[in-house]
PDB file of N, CA and C in Angstrom:
ATOM      1  N   UNK A   1     376.031 157.976 254.835  1.00  0.00           N
ATOM      2  CA  UNK A   1     377.013 156.942 254.537  1.00  0.00           C
ATOM      3  C   UNK A   1     376.649 156.268 253.216  1.00  0.00           C
ATOM      4  N   UNK A   2     377.610 156.206 252.322  1.00  0.00           N
ATOM      5  CA  UNK A   2     377.381 155.611 251.004  1.00  0.00           C
ATOM      6  C   UNK A   2     377.524 154.091 251.093  1.00  0.00           C
ATOM      7  N   UNK A   3     376.566 153.404 250.491  1.00  0.00           N
ATOM      8  CA  UNK A   3     376.605 151.939 250.454  1.00  0.00           C
ATOM      9  C   UNK A   3     376.570 151.515 248.994  1.00  0.00           C
ATOM     10  N   UNK A   4     377.675 150.935 248.540  1.00  0.00           N
ATOM     11  CA  UNK A   4     377.789 150.519 247.143  1.00  0.00           C
ATOM     12  C   UNK A   4     378.213 149.056 247.112  1.00  0.00           C
ATOM     13  N   UNK A   5     377.544 148.255 246.301  1.00  0.00           N
ATOM     14  CA  UNK A   5     377.843 146.824 246.127  1.00  0.00           C
ATOM     15  C   UNK A   5     377.819 146.079 247.455  1.00  0.00           C
ATOM     16  N   UNK A   6     376.915 146.491 248.364  1.00  0.00           N
ATOM     17  CA  UNK A   6     376.776 145.811 249.643  1.00  0.00           C
ATOM     18  C   UNK A   6     377.854 146.154 250.651  1.00  0.00           C
ATOM     19  N   UNK A   7     378.631 147.197 250.404  1.00  0.00           N
ATOM     20  CA  UNK A   7     379.717 147.590 251.302  1.00  0.00           C
ATOM     21  C   UNK A   7     379.507 149.037 251.732  1.00  0.00           C
ATOM     22  N   UNK A   8     379.596 149.288 253.047  1.00  0.00           N
ATOM     23  CA  UNK A   8     379.553 150.659 253.540  1.00  0.00           C
ATOM     24  C   UNK A   8     380.921 151.280 253.341  1.00  0.00           C
ATOM     25  N   UNK A   9     380.975 152.362 252.572  1.00  0.00           N
ATOM     26  CA  UNK A   9     382.243 153.028 252.319  1.00  0.00           C
ATOM     27  C   UNK A   9     382.594 153.933 253.496  1.00  0.00           C
ATOM     28  N   UNK A  10     383.863 153.972 253.901  1.00  0.00           N
ATOM     29  CA  UNK A  10     384.261 154.818 255.037  1.00  0.00           C
ATOM     30  C   UNK A  10     384.083 156.296 254.701  1.00  0.00           C
ATOM     31  N   UNK A  11     383.273 157.033 255.477  1.00  0.00           N
ATOM     32  CA  UNK A  11     382.911 158.410 255.102  1.00  0.00           C
ATOM     33  C   UNK A  11     384.056 159.416 255.169  1.00  0.00           C
ATOM     34  N   UNK A  12     385.076 159.181 255.985  1.00  0.00           N
ATOM     35  CA  UNK A  12     386.153 160.158 256.156  1.00  0.00           C
ATOM     36  C   UNK A  12     387.206 160.111 255.050  1.00  0.00           C
ATOM     37  N   UNK A  13     387.194 159.047 254.244  1.00  0.00           N
ATOM     38  CA  UNK A  13     388.258 158.872 253.250  1.00  0.00           C
ATOM     39  C   UNK A  13     387.882 159.480 251.911  1.00  0.00           C
ATOM     40  N   UNK A  14     388.897 159.674 251.088  1.00  0.00           N
ATOM     41  CA  UNK A  14     388.672 160.153 249.729  1.00  0.00           C
ATOM     42  C   UNK A  14     387.986 159.053 248.935  1.00  0.00           C
ATOM     43  N   UNK A  15     387.317 159.444 247.857  1.00  0.00           N
ATOM     44  CA  UNK A  15     386.493 158.500 247.097  1.00  0.00           C
ATOM     45  C   UNK A  15     387.307 157.353 246.535  1.00  0.00           C
ATOM     46  N   UNK A  16     388.444 157.650 245.902  1.00  0.00           N
ATOM     47  CA  UNK A  16     389.207 156.566 245.271  1.00  0.00           C
ATOM     48  C   UNK A  16     389.775 155.601 246.304  1.00  0.00           C
ATOM     49  N   UNK A  17     390.081 156.081 247.520  1.00  0.00           N
ATOM     50  CA  UNK A  17     390.569 155.192 248.575  1.00  0.00           C
ATOM     51  C   UNK A  17     389.417 154.365 249.129  1.00  0.00           C
ATOM     52  N   UNK A  18     388.264 154.991 249.318  1.00  0.00           N
ATOM     53  CA  UNK A  18     387.096 154.284 249.841  1.00  0.00           C
ATOM     54  C   UNK A  18     386.600 153.190 248.917  1.00  0.00           C
ATOM     55  N   UNK A  19     386.688 153.434 247.614  1.00  0.00           N
ATOM     56  CA  UNK A  19     386.226 152.417 246.663  1.00  0.00           C
ATOM     57  C   UNK A  19     387.084 151.153 246.726  1.00  0.00           C
ATOM     58  N   UNK A  20     388.336 151.280 247.162  1.00  0.00           N
ATOM     59  CA  UNK A  20     389.193 150.093 247.248  1.00  0.00           C
ATOM     60  C   UNK A  20     388.759 149.157 248.373  1.00  0.00           C
ATOM     61  N   UNK A  21     387.848 149.582 249.244  1.00  0.00           N
ATOM     62  CA  UNK A  21     387.337 148.681 250.280  1.00  0.00           C
ATOM     63  C   UNK A  21     386.335 147.688 249.695  1.00  0.00           C
ATOM     64  N   UNK A  22     385.937 147.889 248.447  1.00  0.00           N
ATOM     65  CA  UNK A  22     385.080 146.931 247.743  1.00  0.00           C
ATOM     66  C   UNK A  22     385.976 145.864 247.138  1.00  0.00           C
ATOM     67  N   UNK A  23     385.664 144.606 247.390  1.00  0.00           N
ATOM     68  CA  UNK A  23     386.470 143.492 246.900  1.00  0.00           C
ATOM     69  C   UNK A  23     386.447 143.479 245.376  1.00  0.00           C
ATOM     70  N   UNK A  24     387.624 143.495 244.762  1.00  0.00           N
ATOM     71  CA  UNK A  24     387.724 143.470 243.312  1.00  0.00           C
ATOM     72  C   UNK A  24     388.014 144.828 242.712  1.00  0.00           C
ATOM     73  N   UNK A  25     388.093 145.870 243.549  1.00  0.00           N
ATOM     74  CA  UNK A  25     388.420 147.207 243.050  1.00  0.00           C
ATOM     75  C   UNK A  25     389.713 147.659 243.714  1.00  0.00           C
ATOM     76  N   UNK A  26     390.722 147.892 242.887  1.00  0.00           N
ATOM     77  CA  UNK A  26     391.997 148.395 243.375  1.00  0.00           C
ATOM     78  C   UNK A  26     392.092 149.890 243.102  1.00  0.00           C
ATOM     79  N   UNK A  27     393.277 150.434 243.281  1.00  0.00           N
ATOM     80  CA  UNK A  27     393.457 151.879 243.141  1.00  0.00           C
ATOM     81  C   UNK A  27     393.209 152.352 241.715  1.00  0.00           C
ATOM     82  N   UNK A  28     393.789 151.663 240.753  1.00  0.00           N
ATOM     83  CA  UNK A  28     393.660 152.087 239.355  1.00  0.00           C
ATOM     84  C   UNK A  28     392.215 151.955 238.876  1.00  0.00           C
ATOM     85  N   UNK A  29     391.583 150.845 239.224  1.00  0.00           N
ATOM     86  CA  UNK A  29     390.195 150.630 238.808  1.00  0.00           C
ATOM     87  C   UNK A  29     389.266 151.639 239.487  1.00  0.00           C
ATOM     88  N   UNK A  30     389.562 152.009 240.735  1.00  0.00           N
ATOM     89  CA  UNK A  30     388.755 152.993 241.444  1.00  0.00           C
ATOM     90  C   UNK A  30     388.816 154.345 240.738  1.00  0.00           C
ATOM     91  N   UNK A  31     390.005 154.745 240.316  1.00  0.00           N
ATOM     92  CA  UNK A  31     390.140 156.025 239.617  1.00  0.00           C
ATOM     93  C   UNK A  31     389.424 156.004 238.267  1.00  0.00           C
ATOM     94  N   UNK A  32     389.510 154.878 237.562  1.00  0.00           N
ATOM     95  CA  UNK A  32     388.836 154.801 236.260  1.00  0.00           C
ATOM     96  C   UNK A  32     387.316 154.808 236.427  1.00  0.00           C
ATOM     97  N   UNK A  33     386.811 154.189 237.491  1.00  0.00           N
ATOM     98  CA  UNK A  33     385.370 154.200 237.763  1.00  0.00           C
ATOM     99  C   UNK A  33     384.909 155.631 238.050  1.00  0.00           C
ATOM    100  N   UNK A  34     385.706 156.361 238.839  1.00  0.00           N
ATOM    101  CA  UNK A  34     385.363 157.758 239.147  1.00  0.00           C
ATOM    102  C   UNK A  34     385.317 158.594 237.873  1.00  0.00           C
ATOM    103  N   UNK A  35     386.279 158.381 236.977  1.00  0.00           N
ATOM    104  CA  UNK A  35     386.308 159.137 235.725  1.00  0.00           C
ATOM    105  C   UNK A  35     385.102 158.774 234.856  1.00  0.00           C
ATOM    106  N   UNK A  36     384.766 157.489 234.839  1.00  0.00           N
ATOM    107  CA  UNK A  36     383.638 157.030 234.033  1.00  0.00           C
ATOM    108  C   UNK A  36     382.314 157.591 234.564  1.00  0.00           C
ATOM    109  N   UNK A  37     382.208 157.697 235.895  1.00  0.00           N
ATOM    110  CA  UNK A  37     380.982 158.215 236.508  1.00  0.00           C
ATOM    111  C   UNK A  37     380.980 159.738 236.563  1.00  0.00           C
ATOM    112  N   UNK A  38     382.066 160.361 236.120  1.00  0.00           N
ATOM    113  CA  UNK A  38     382.194 161.819 236.109  1.00  0.00           C
ATOM    114  C   UNK A  38     382.058 162.396 237.521  1.00  0.00           C
ATOM    115  N   UNK A  39     382.816 161.789 238.467  1.00  0.00           N
ATOM    116  CA  UNK A  39     382.844 162.236 239.857  1.00  0.00           C
ATOM    117  C   UNK A  39     384.302 162.498 240.213  1.00  0.00           C
ATOM    118  N   UNK A  40     384.568 163.573 240.953  1.00  0.00           N
ATOM    119  CA  UNK A  40     385.927 163.918 241.371  1.00  0.00           C
ATOM    120  C   UNK A  40     386.434 162.867 242.356  1.00  0.00           C
ATOM    121  N   UNK A  41     387.540 162.199 242.024  1.00  0.00           N
ATOM    122  CA  UNK A  41     388.028 161.106 242.866  1.00  0.00           C
ATOM    123  C   UNK A  41     388.693 161.588 244.156  1.00  0.00           C
ATOM    124  N   UNK A  42     388.990 162.890 244.262  1.00  0.00           N
ATOM    125  CA  UNK A  42     389.606 163.407 245.493  1.00  0.00           C
ATOM    126  C   UNK A  42     388.562 163.887 246.497  1.00  0.00           C
ATOM    127  N   UNK A  43     387.297 163.830 246.133  1.00  0.00           N
ATOM    128  CA  UNK A  43     386.212 164.255 247.017  1.00  0.00           C
ATOM    129  C   UNK A  43     386.049 163.250 248.157  1.00  0.00           C
ATOM    130  N   UNK A  44     385.706 163.749 249.347  1.00  0.00           N
ATOM    131  CA  UNK A  44     385.440 162.856 250.479  1.00  0.00           C
ATOM    132  C   UNK A  44     384.104 162.149 250.262  1.00  0.00           C
ATOM    133  N   UNK A  45     383.989 160.928 250.765  1.00  0.00           N
ATOM    134  CA  UNK A  45     382.776 160.140 250.549  1.00  0.00           C
ATOM    135  C   UNK A  45     381.573 160.787 251.222  1.00  0.00           C
ATOM    136  N   UNK A  46     381.777 161.401 252.392  1.00  0.00           N
ATOM    137  CA  UNK A  46     380.654 162.025 253.093  1.00  0.00           C
ATOM    138  C   UNK A  46     380.088 163.230 252.330  1.00  0.00           C
ATOM    139  N   UNK A  47     380.884 163.813 251.404  1.00  0.00           N
ATOM    140  CA  UNK A  47     380.437 164.980 250.643  1.00  0.00           C
ATOM    141  C   UNK A  47     379.742 164.617 249.330  1.00  0.00           C
ATOM    142  N   UNK A  48     379.605 163.342 249.033  1.00  0.00           N
ATOM    143  CA  UNK A  48     378.970 162.925 247.776  1.00  0.00           C
ATOM    144  C   UNK A  48     377.466 163.161 247.829  1.00  0.00           C
ATOM    145  N   UNK A  49     376.905 163.564 246.706  1.00  0.00           N
ATOM    146  CA  UNK A  49     375.449 163.693 246.616  1.00  0.00           C
ATOM    147  C   UNK A  49     374.862 162.331 246.248  1.00  0.00           C
ATOM    148  N   UNK A  50     373.544 162.222 246.421  1.00  0.00           N
ATOM    149  CA  UNK A  50     372.867 160.959 246.107  1.00  0.00           C
ATOM    150  C   UNK A  50     372.981 160.631 244.614  1.00  0.00           C
ATOM    151  N   UNK A  51     372.950 161.660 243.787  1.00  0.00           N
ATOM    152  CA  UNK A  51     373.078 161.460 242.334  1.00  0.00           C
ATOM    153  C   UNK A  51     374.459 160.892 241.983  1.00  0.00           C
ATOM    154  N   UNK A  52     375.508 161.415 242.613  1.00  0.00           N
ATOM    155  CA  UNK A  52     376.868 160.920 242.354  1.00  0.00           C
ATOM    156  C   UNK A  52     377.022 159.474 242.798  1.00  0.00           C
ATOM    157  N   UNK A  53     376.427 159.134 243.937  1.00  0.00           N
ATOM    158  CA  UNK A  53     376.486 157.755 244.429  1.00  0.00           C
ATOM    159  C   UNK A  53     375.794 156.822 243.443  1.00  0.00           C
ATOM    160  N   UNK A  54     374.652 157.248 242.902  1.00  0.00           N
ATOM    161  CA  UNK A  54     373.937 156.424 241.923  1.00  0.00           C
ATOM    162  C   UNK A  54     374.752 156.243 240.640  1.00  0.00           C
ATOM    163  N   UNK A  55     375.435 157.310 240.195  1.00  0.00           N
ATOM    164  CA  UNK A  55     376.289 157.191 239.002  1.00  0.00           C
ATOM    165  C   UNK A  55     377.436 156.228 239.254  1.00  0.00           C
ATOM    166  N   UNK A  56     378.000 156.285 240.465  1.00  0.00           N
ATOM    167  CA  UNK A  56     379.084 155.349 240.818  1.00  0.00           C
ATOM    168  C   UNK A  56     378.586 153.912 240.811  1.00  0.00           C
ATOM    169  N   UNK A  57     377.387 153.698 241.388  1.00  0.00           N
ATOM    170  CA  UNK A  57     376.807 152.343 241.397  1.00  0.00           C
ATOM    171  C   UNK A  57     376.662 151.799 239.978  1.00  0.00           C
ATOM    172  N   UNK A  58     376.131 152.629 239.097  1.00  0.00           N
ATOM    173  CA  UNK A  58     375.929 152.198 237.711  1.00  0.00           C
ATOM    174  C   UNK A  58     377.258 151.926 237.027  1.00  0.00           C
ATOM    175  N   UNK A  59     378.269 152.745 237.291  1.00  0.00           N
ATOM    176  CA  UNK A  59     379.585 152.538 236.676  1.00  0.00           C
ATOM    177  C   UNK A  59     380.207 151.226 237.162  1.00  0.00           C
ATOM    178  N   UNK A  60     380.055 150.935 238.447  1.00  0.00           N
ATOM    179  CA  UNK A  60     380.622 149.699 239.001  1.00  0.00           C
ATOM    180  C   UNK A  60     379.899 148.486 238.426  1.00  0.00           C
ATOM    181  N   UNK A  61     378.575 148.558 238.314  1.00  0.00           N
ATOM    182  CA  UNK A  61     377.812 147.439 237.751  1.00  0.00           C
ATOM    183  C   UNK A  61     378.187 147.177 236.300  1.00  0.00           C
ATOM    184  N   UNK A  62     378.455 148.241 235.543  1.00  0.00           N
ATOM    185  CA  UNK A  62     378.801 148.057 234.139  1.00  0.00           C
ATOM    186  C   UNK A  62     380.254 147.596 233.953  1.00  0.00           C
ATOM    187  N   UNK A  63     381.115 147.880 234.930  1.00  0.00           N
ATOM    188  CA  UNK A  63     382.543 147.503 234.849  1.00  0.00           C
ATOM    189  C   UNK A  63     382.743 145.989 234.837  1.00  0.00           C
ATOM    190  N   UNK A  64     382.039 145.296 235.701  1.00  0.00           N
ATOM    191  CA  UNK A  64     382.231 143.845 235.792  1.00  0.00           C
ATOM    192  C   UNK A  64     381.928 143.349 237.188  1.00  0.00           C
ATOM    193  N   UNK A  65     382.382 142.148 237.496  1.00  0.00           N
ATOM    194  CA  UNK A  65     382.066 141.518 238.766  1.00  0.00           C
ATOM    195  C   UNK A  65     382.871 142.123 239.917  1.00  0.00           C
ATOM    196  N   UNK A  66     382.204 142.314 241.051  1.00  0.00           N
ATOM    197  CA  UNK A  66     382.842 142.739 242.295  1.00  0.00           C
ATOM    198  C   UNK A  66     382.153 142.012 243.449  1.00  0.00           C
ATOM    199  N   UNK A  67     382.765 142.081 244.614  1.00  0.00           N
ATOM    200  CA  UNK A  67     382.246 141.516 245.862  1.00  0.00           C
ATOM    201  C   UNK A  67     381.790 140.063 245.713  1.00  0.00           C
ATOM    202  N   UNK A  68     380.528 139.763 246.028  1.00  0.00           N
ATOM    203  CA  UNK A  68     380.040 138.389 246.112  1.00  0.00           C
ATOM    204  C   UNK A  68     380.201 137.595 244.834  1.00  0.00           C
ATOM    205  N   UNK A  69     379.882 138.206 243.692  1.00  0.00           N
ATOM    206  CA  UNK A  69     379.990 137.509 242.412  1.00  0.00           C
ATOM    207  C   UNK A  69     381.430 137.110 242.126  1.00  0.00           C
ATOM    208  N   UNK A  70     382.359 138.027 242.393  1.00  0.00           N
ATOM    209  CA  UNK A  70     383.773 137.759 242.141  1.00  0.00           C
ATOM    210  C   UNK A  70     384.296 136.680 243.088  1.00  0.00           C
ATOM    211  N   UNK A  71     383.933 136.777 244.372  1.00  0.00           N
ATOM    212  CA  UNK A  71     384.356 135.754 245.348  1.00  0.00           C
ATOM    213  C   UNK A  71     383.831 134.377 244.942  1.00  0.00           C
ATOM    214  N   UNK A  72     382.562 134.341 244.507  1.00  0.00           N
ATOM    215  CA  UNK A  72     381.950 133.072 244.102  1.00  0.00           C
ATOM    216  C   UNK A  72     382.665 132.490 242.891  1.00  0.00           C
ATOM    217  N   UNK A  73     382.997 133.337 241.925  1.00  0.00           N
ATOM    218  CA  UNK A  73     383.690 132.871 240.724  1.00  0.00           C
ATOM    219  C   UNK A  73     385.067 132.301 241.061  1.00  0.00           C
ATOM    220  N   UNK A  74     385.804 132.976 241.933  1.00  0.00           N
ATOM    221  CA  UNK A  74     387.134 132.507 242.326  1.00  0.00           C
ATOM    222  C   UNK A  74     387.032 131.167 243.054  1.00  0.00           C
ATOM    223  N   UNK A  75     386.054 131.041 243.959  1.00  0.00           N
ATOM    224  CA  UNK A  75     385.860 129.775 244.672  1.00  0.00           C
ATOM    225  C   UNK A  75     385.493 128.638 243.714  1.00  0.00           C
ATOM    226  N   UNK A  76     384.671 128.949 242.714  1.00  0.00           N
ATOM    227  CA  UNK A  76     384.294 127.926 241.732  1.00  0.00           C
ATOM    228  C   UNK A  76     385.504 127.496 240.914  1.00  0.00           C
ATOM    229  N   UNK A  77     386.378 128.435 240.566  1.00  0.00           N
ATOM    230  CA  UNK A  77     387.598 128.088 239.826  1.00  0.00           C
ATOM    231  C   UNK A  77     388.491 127.169 240.648  1.00  0.00           C
ATOM    232  N   UNK A  78     388.641 127.472 241.936  1.00  0.00           N
ATOM    233  CA  UNK A  78     389.470 126.635 242.813  1.00  0.00           C
ATOM    234  C   UNK A  78     388.844 125.257 242.967  1.00  0.00           C
ATOM    235  N   UNK A  79     387.516 125.212 243.147  1.00  0.00           N
ATOM    236  CA  UNK A  79     386.822 123.932 243.293  1.00  0.00           C
ATOM    237  C   UNK A  79     386.990 123.081 242.040  1.00  0.00           C
ATOM    238  N   UNK A  80     386.943 123.730 240.866  1.00  0.00           N
ATOM    239  CA  UNK A  80     387.123 123.004 239.601  1.00  0.00           C
ATOM    240  C   UNK A  80     388.520 122.392 239.528  1.00  0.00           C
ATOM    241  N   UNK A  81     389.541 123.166 239.928  1.00  0.00           N
ATOM    242  CA  UNK A  81     390.913 122.653 239.928  1.00  0.00           C
ATOM    243  C   UNK A  81     391.051 121.447 240.853  1.00  0.00           C
ATOM    244  N   UNK A  82     390.391 121.508 242.010  1.00  0.00           N
ATOM    245  CA  UNK A  82     390.457 120.392 242.961  1.00  0.00           C
ATOM    246  C   UNK A  82     389.764 119.163 242.383  1.00  0.00           C
ATOM    247  N   UNK A  83     388.608 119.363 241.737  1.00  0.00           N
ATOM    248  CA  UNK A  83     387.851 118.235 241.189  1.00  0.00           C
ATOM    249  C   UNK A  83     388.582 117.528 240.063  1.00  0.00           C
ATOM    250  N   UNK A  84     389.262 118.279 239.191  1.00  0.00           N
ATOM    251  CA  UNK A  84     389.949 117.623 238.083  1.00  0.00           C
ATOM    252  C   UNK A  84     391.310 117.084 238.511  1.00  0.00           C
ATOM    253  N   UNK A  85     391.676 117.302 239.759  1.00  0.00           N
ATOM    254  CA  UNK A  85     392.888 116.766 240.373  1.00  0.00           C
ATOM    255  C   UNK A  85     394.160 117.146 239.625  1.00  0.00           C
ATOM    256  N   UNK A  86     394.202 118.389 239.161  1.00  0.00           N
ATOM    257  CA  UNK A  86     395.439 118.871 238.554  1.00  0.00           C
ATOM    258  C   UNK A  86     396.397 119.257 239.681  1.00  0.00           C
ATOM    259  N   UNK A  87     397.632 119.558 239.328  1.00  0.00           N
ATOM    260  CA  UNK A  87     398.655 119.866 240.333  1.00  0.00           C
ATOM    261  C   UNK A  87     398.227 121.037 241.215  1.00  0.00           C
ATOM    262  N   UNK A  88     397.733 122.099 240.583  1.00  0.00           N
ATOM    263  CA  UNK A  88     397.298 123.269 241.356  1.00  0.00           C
ATOM    264  C   UNK A  88     396.157 122.910 242.295  1.00  0.00           C
ATOM    265  N   UNK A  89     395.254 122.038 241.849  1.00  0.00           N
ATOM    266  CA  UNK A  89     394.146 121.606 242.697  1.00  0.00           C
ATOM    267  C   UNK A  89     394.630 120.822 243.899  1.00  0.00           C
ATOM    268  N   UNK A  90     395.630 119.958 243.681  1.00  0.00           N
ATOM    269  CA  UNK A  90     396.181 119.185 244.800  1.00  0.00           C
ATOM    270  C   UNK A  90     396.850 120.099 245.811  1.00  0.00           C
ATOM    271  N   UNK A  91     397.549 121.120 245.335  1.00  0.00           N
ATOM    272  CA  UNK A  91     398.197 122.075 246.247  1.00  0.00           C
ATOM    273  C   UNK A  91     397.147 122.835 247.059  1.00  0.00           C
ATOM    274  N   UNK A  92     396.038 123.216 246.418  1.00  0.00           N
ATOM    275  CA  UNK A  92     394.955 123.878 247.150  1.00  0.00           C
ATOM    276  C   UNK A  92     394.390 122.942 248.209  1.00  0.00           C
ATOM    277  N   UNK A  93     394.176 121.687 247.837  1.00  0.00           N
ATOM    278  CA  UNK A  93     393.584 120.733 248.767  1.00  0.00           C
ATOM    279  C   UNK A  93     394.467 120.525 249.996  1.00  0.00           C
ATOM    280  N   UNK A  94     395.776 120.505 249.799  1.00  0.00           N
ATOM    281  CA  UNK A  94     396.705 120.272 250.913  1.00  0.00           C
ATOM    282  C   UNK A  94     397.124 121.549 251.636  1.00  0.00           C
ATOM    283  N   UNK A  95     396.548 122.675 251.236  1.00  0.00           N
ATOM    284  CA  UNK A  95     396.897 123.968 251.843  1.00  0.00           C
ATOM    285  C   UNK A  95     398.386 124.272 251.751  1.00  0.00           C
ATOM    286  N   UNK A  96     398.942 124.061 250.575  1.00  0.00           N
ATOM    287  CA  UNK A  96     400.344 124.366 250.323  1.00  0.00           C
ATOM    288  C   UNK A  96     400.424 125.460 249.259  1.00  0.00           C
ATOM    289  N   UNK A  97     401.575 126.123 249.110  1.00  0.00           N
ATOM    290  CA  UNK A  97     401.693 127.153 248.075  1.00  0.00           C
ATOM    291  C   UNK A  97     401.412 126.586 246.688  1.00  0.00           C
ATOM    292  N   UNK A  98     400.686 127.345 245.890  1.00  0.00           N
ATOM    293  CA  UNK A  98     400.200 126.859 244.606  1.00  0.00           C
ATOM    294  C   UNK A  98     401.138 127.244 243.469  1.00  0.00           C
ATOM    295  N   UNK A  99     401.844 128.349 243.594  1.00  0.00           N
ATOM    296  CA  UNK A  99     402.553 128.919 242.452  1.00  0.00           C
ATOM    297  C   UNK A  99     404.050 128.669 242.472  1.00  0.00           C
ATOM    298  N   UNK A 100     404.474 127.508 242.919  1.00  0.00           N
ATOM    299  CA  UNK A 100     405.860 127.108 242.756  1.00  0.00           C
ATOM    300  C   UNK A 100     406.821 127.590 243.820  1.00  0.00           C
ATOM    301  N   UNK A 101     406.328 128.173 244.915  1.00  0.00           N
ATOM    302  CA  UNK A 101     407.241 128.629 245.954  1.00  0.00           C
ATOM    303  C   UNK A 101     407.815 127.431 246.703  1.00  0.00           C
ATOM    304  N   UNK A 102     408.972 127.644 247.330  1.00  0.00           N
ATOM    305  CA  UNK A 102     409.594 126.564 248.083  1.00  0.00           C
ATOM    306  C   UNK A 102     408.859 126.348 249.399  1.00  0.00           C
ATOM    307  N   UNK A 103     408.921 125.117 249.917  1.00  0.00           N
ATOM    308  CA  UNK A 103     408.248 124.820 251.177  1.00  0.00           C
ATOM    309  C   UNK A 103     409.177 124.200 252.206  1.00  0.00           C
ATOM    310  N   UNK A 104     410.413 123.883 251.823  1.00  0.00           N
ATOM    311  CA  UNK A 104     411.344 123.308 252.797  1.00  0.00           C
ATOM    312  C   UNK A 104     411.551 124.284 253.949  1.00  0.00           C
ATOM    313  N   UNK A 105     411.804 125.538 253.596  1.00  0.00           N
ATOM    314  CA  UNK A 105     411.764 126.615 254.579  1.00  0.00           C
ATOM    315  C   UNK A 105     410.713 127.597 254.082  1.00  0.00           C
ATOM    316  N   UNK A 106     410.284 128.485 254.925  1.00  0.00           N
ATOM    317  CA  UNK A 106     409.279 129.498 254.581  1.00  0.00           C
ATOM    318  C   UNK A 106     407.910 128.870 254.343  1.00  0.00           C
ATOM    319  N   UNK A 107     407.025 129.560 253.668  1.00  0.00           N
ATOM    320  CA  UNK A 107     405.635 129.142 253.404  1.00  0.00           C
ATOM    321  C   UNK A 107     404.830 129.004 254.686  1.00  0.00           C
ATOM    322  N   UNK A 108     405.224 129.712 255.752  1.00  0.00           N
ATOM    323  CA  UNK A 108     404.526 129.573 257.026  1.00  0.00           C
ATOM    324  C   UNK A 108     403.119 130.153 256.963  1.00  0.00           C
ATOM    325  N   UNK A 109     402.899 131.153 256.134  1.00  0.00           N
ATOM    326  CA  UNK A 109     401.564 131.744 256.030  1.00  0.00           C
ATOM    327  C   UNK A 109     400.576 130.695 255.539  1.00  0.00           C
ATOM    328  N   UNK A 110     400.971 129.936 254.558  1.00  0.00           N
ATOM    329  CA  UNK A 110     400.087 128.941 253.957  1.00  0.00           C
ATOM    330  C   UNK A 110     400.012 127.668 254.803  1.00  0.00           C
ATOM    331  N   UNK A 111     401.154 127.239 255.363  1.00  0.00           N
ATOM    332  CA  UNK A 111     401.209 125.976 256.099  1.00  0.00           C
ATOM    333  C   UNK A 111     400.739 126.107 257.539  1.00  0.00           C
ATOM    334  N   UNK A 112     400.785 127.318 258.100  1.00  0.00           N
ATOM    335  CA  UNK A 112     400.387 127.512 259.492  1.00  0.00           C
ATOM    336  C   UNK A 112     401.589 127.427 260.410  1.00  0.00           C
ATOM    337  N   UNK A 113     401.368 127.518 261.720  1.00  0.00           N
ATOM    338  CA  UNK A 113     402.496 127.494 262.658  1.00  0.00           C
ATOM    339  C   UNK A 113     403.238 126.159 262.621  1.00  0.00           C
ATOM    340  N   UNK A 114     404.500 126.200 262.993  1.00  0.00           N
ATOM    341  CA  UNK A 114     405.328 124.987 262.968  1.00  0.00           C
ATOM    342  C   UNK A 114     404.800 123.952 263.952  1.00  0.00           C
ATOM    343  N   UNK A 115     404.924 122.698 263.582  1.00  0.00           N
ATOM    344  CA  UNK A 115     404.575 121.607 264.481  1.00  0.00           C
ATOM    345  C   UNK A 115     405.755 121.382 265.414  1.00  0.00           C
ATOM    346  N   UNK A 116     405.496 121.135 266.675  1.00  0.00           N
ATOM    347  CA  UNK A 116     406.577 120.951 267.639  1.00  0.00           C
ATOM    348  C   UNK A 116     407.099 119.530 267.644  1.00  0.00           C
ATOM    349  N   UNK A 117     407.687 119.066 266.548  1.00  0.00           N
ATOM    350  CA  UNK A 117     408.152 117.683 266.437  1.00  0.00           C
ATOM    351  C   UNK A 117     409.313 117.401 267.373  1.00  0.00           C
ATOM    352  N   UNK A 118     410.234 118.330 267.520  1.00  0.00           N
ATOM    353  CA  UNK A 118     411.414 118.109 268.342  1.00  0.00           C
ATOM    354  C   UNK A 118     411.021 118.026 269.812  1.00  0.00           C
ATOM    355  N   UNK A 119     410.142 118.886 270.273  1.00  0.00           N
ATOM    356  CA  UNK A 119     409.714 118.889 271.666  1.00  0.00           C
ATOM    357  C   UNK A 119     408.971 117.600 271.996  1.00  0.00           C
ATOM    358  N   UNK A 120     408.184 117.080 271.073  1.00  0.00           N
ATOM    359  CA  UNK A 120     407.434 115.848 271.308  1.00  0.00           C
ATOM    360  C   UNK A 120     408.390 114.665 271.433  1.00  0.00           C
ATOM    361  N   UNK A 121     409.471 114.633 270.666  1.00  0.00           N
ATOM    362  CA  UNK A 121     410.430 113.539 270.758  1.00  0.00           C
ATOM    363  C   UNK A 121     411.121 113.534 272.105  1.00  0.00           C
ATOM    364  N   UNK A 122     411.460 114.713 272.630  1.00  0.00           N
ATOM    365  CA  UNK A 122     412.134 114.809 273.919  1.00  0.00           C
ATOM    366  C   UNK A 122     411.247 114.274 275.030  1.00  0.00           C
ATOM    367  N   UNK A 123     409.943 114.574 274.975  1.00  0.00           N
ATOM    368  CA  UNK A 123     409.009 114.098 276.003  1.00  0.00           C
ATOM    369  C   UNK A 123     408.893 112.586 275.987  1.00  0.00           C
ATOM    370  N   UNK A 124     408.825 111.981 274.808  1.00  0.00           N
ATOM    371  CA  UNK A 124     408.704 110.516 274.716  1.00  0.00           C
ATOM    372  C   UNK A 124     410.005 109.846 275.152  1.00  0.00           C
ATOM    373  N   UNK A 125     411.130 110.453 274.889  1.00  0.00           N
ATOM    374  CA  UNK A 125     412.427 109.890 275.304  1.00  0.00           C
ATOM    375  C   UNK A 125     412.542 109.944 276.828  1.00  0.00           C
ATOM    376  N   UNK A 126     412.043 110.965 277.441  1.00  0.00           N
ATOM    377  CA  UNK A 126     412.163 111.124 278.898  1.00  0.00           C
ATOM    378  C   UNK A 126     411.303 110.109 279.620  1.00  0.00           C
ATOM    379  N   UNK A 127     410.194 109.680 279.074  1.00  0.00           N
ATOM    380  CA  UNK A 127     409.311 108.715 279.721  1.00  0.00           C
ATOM    381  C   UNK A 127     409.939 107.329 279.785  1.00  0.00           C
ATOM    382  N   UNK A 128     410.733 106.987 278.791  1.00  0.00           N
ATOM    383  CA  UNK A 128     411.297 105.627 278.723  1.00  0.00           C
ATOM    384  C   UNK A 128     412.425 105.431 279.630  1.00  0.00           C
TER     385      UNK A 128
END
């Protein structure tokens, strides 16, 4: 089993698909890394030699940040926005959509499940 950037790659998948399980590597970047490391991107991960895995590791390290470093950088950027209290930072703090989407309807992924305001009013009315 190949372990690159702290991630166990799925052995049954093709190399370019398996590399996308690393945070920060998408399909296009995975193919370019394979070309840079001179490894066939259609090869299964279980069929890779130790030398090919080492070349892939070196290519990924030279490409830029992935996994923990990238996650840390993104979190620091969000924290900075919150600290300087810009509009985007306030939206992050309130767990609302950041990029201008509407919230009157939709935005349920970001806001969470609906609050049962109507049901609560009926219960209080019935008690009185």
